[in-house]
C-alpha atoms as a PDB file:
ATOM      1  CA  MET A   1       6.074  29.733 102.519  1.00  0.00           C
ATOM      2  CA  ILE A   2       4.449  33.186 102.080  1.00  0.00           C
ATOM      3  CA  GLY A   3       7.541  34.698 104.075  1.00  0.00           C
ATOM      4  CA  LYS A   4       9.996  33.234 101.884  1.00  0.00           C
ATOM      5  CA  VAL A   5       8.344  34.446  98.662  1.00  0.00           C
ATOM      6  CA  ILE A   6       8.078  38.052 100.227  1.00  0.00           C
ATOM      7  CA  LYS A   7      11.746  37.991 101.037  1.00  0.00           C
ATOM      8  CA  LYS A   8      12.390  36.712  97.476  1.00  0.00           C
ATOM      9  CA  LEU A   9      10.491  39.340  95.675  1.00  0.00           C
ATOM     10  CA  ARG A  10      11.567  42.168  98.041  1.00  0.00           C
ATOM     11  CA  GLU A  11      15.209  41.465  97.223  1.00  0.00           C
ATOM     12  CA  LEU A  12      14.497  41.050  93.605  1.00  0.00           C
ATOM     13  CA  GLU A  13      13.359  44.613  93.453  1.00  0.00           C
ATOM     14  CA  GLY A  14      16.640  45.673  95.435  1.00  0.00           C
ATOM     15  CA  TYR A  15      14.952  46.649  98.678  1.00  0.00           C
ATOM     16  CA  THR A  16      16.243  46.272 102.287  1.00  0.00           C
ATOM     17  CA  GLN A  17      13.749  45.423 104.571  1.00  0.00           C
ATOM     18  CA  LYS A  18      13.811  48.966 106.289  1.00  0.00           C
ATOM     19  CA  GLU A  19      13.168  50.381 102.714  1.00  0.00           C
ATOM     20  CA  PHE A  20      10.479  48.071 101.821  1.00  0.00           C
ATOM     21  CA  ALA A  21       8.483  48.393 105.067  1.00  0.00           C
ATOM     22  CA  GLU A  22       8.435  51.972 104.729  1.00  0.00           C
ATOM     23  CA  LEU A  23       7.504  51.509 101.364  1.00  0.00           C
ATOM     24  CA  ILE A  24       4.459  49.634 101.976  1.00  0.00           C
ATOM     25  CA  GLY A  25       3.593  51.428 105.252  1.00  0.00           C
ATOM     26  CA  ILE A  26       4.144  48.731 107.928  1.00  0.00           C
ATOM     27  CA  ASN A  27       6.826  48.372 110.647  1.00  0.00           C
ATOM     28  CA  ILE A  28      10.313  46.846 109.920  1.00  0.00           C
ATOM     29  CA  ASN A  29       9.487  44.095 112.847  1.00  0.00           C
ATOM     30  CA  THR A  30       6.072  43.182 111.322  1.00  0.00           C
ATOM     31  CA  LEU A  31       7.690  42.681 107.738  1.00  0.00           C
ATOM     32  CA  ALA A  32      10.833  40.745 109.654  1.00  0.00           C
ATOM     33  CA  SER A  33       8.177  38.482 111.272  1.00  0.00           C
ATOM     34  CA  TYR A  34       6.202  37.939 107.877  1.00  0.00           C
ATOM     35  CA  GLU A  35       9.504  36.943 106.301  1.00  0.00           C
ATOM     36  CA  ARG A  36      10.801  34.722 109.102  1.00  0.00           C
ATOM     37  CA  GLU A  37       7.331  33.229 109.231  1.00  0.00           C
ATOM     38  CA  ASN A  38       6.709  33.902 112.786  1.00  0.00           C
ATOM     39  CA  ARG A  39       3.319  35.918 111.876  1.00  0.00           C
ATOM     40  CA  GLU A  40       0.767  35.622 108.992  1.00  0.00           C
ATOM     41  CA  PRO A  41      -0.072  38.543 107.137  1.00  0.00           C
ATOM     42  CA  SER A  42      -3.839  39.568 106.761  1.00  0.00           C
ATOM     43  CA  LEU A  43      -5.547  38.832 103.535  1.00  0.00           C
ATOM     44  CA  SER A  44      -5.912  42.445 102.755  1.00  0.00           C
ATOM     45  CA  PHE A  45      -2.318  42.815 103.112  1.00  0.00           C
ATOM     46  CA  VAL A  46      -1.397  40.056 100.883  1.00  0.00           C
ATOM     47  CA  VAL A  47      -3.762  41.293  98.251  1.00  0.00           C
ATOM     48  CA  LYS A  48      -1.695  44.744  98.500  1.00  0.00           C
ATOM     49  CA  LEU A  49       1.439  42.797  98.402  1.00  0.00           C
ATOM     50  CA  ALA A  50       0.239  40.832  95.090  1.00  0.00           C
ATOM     51  CA  ASN A  51      -0.452  44.245  93.703  1.00  0.00           C
ATOM     52  CA  HIS A  52       2.691  45.706  94.366  1.00  0.00           C
ATOM     53  CA  PHE A  53       4.668  42.975  93.163  1.00  0.00           C
ATOM     54  CA  ASN A  54       2.343  42.150  90.101  1.00  0.00           C
ATOM     55  CA  VAL A  55       1.888  38.875  91.159  1.00  0.00           C
ATOM     56  CA  SER A  56      -1.243  36.552  92.193  1.00  0.00           C
ATOM     57  CA  VAL A  57      -2.380  35.994  95.572  1.00  0.00           C
ATOM     58  CA  ASP A  58      -1.989  32.275  94.675  1.00  0.00           C
ATOM     59  CA  TYR A  59       1.778  32.930  93.848  1.00  0.00           C
ATOM     60  CA  LEU A  60       2.473  34.516  97.169  1.00  0.00           C
ATOM     61  CA  VAL A  61       0.706  31.757  99.162  1.00  0.00           C
ATOM     62  CA  GLY A  62       2.757  29.048  97.129  1.00  0.00           C
ATOM     63  CA  ARG A  63      -0.188  27.510  95.140  1.00  0.00           C
ATOM     64  CA  VAL A  64       1.548  28.356  91.841  1.00  0.00           C
ATOM     65  CA  ASP A  65       4.941  28.734  90.597  1.00  0.00           C
END
């Protein structure tokens, strides 16, 4: 679920995968793996995303809408 949320929020901000990966300091392949839900991001990375998007960790992991 988190991959779909990351992709949705990234697209709402108007970033390509490459732009967003560079912005947050990860490899584009890692971001793509998260968005395809082939890999799970670490808790520290989830917190970093929550701070970037100004949403809760619960929102990112699908516990709240």
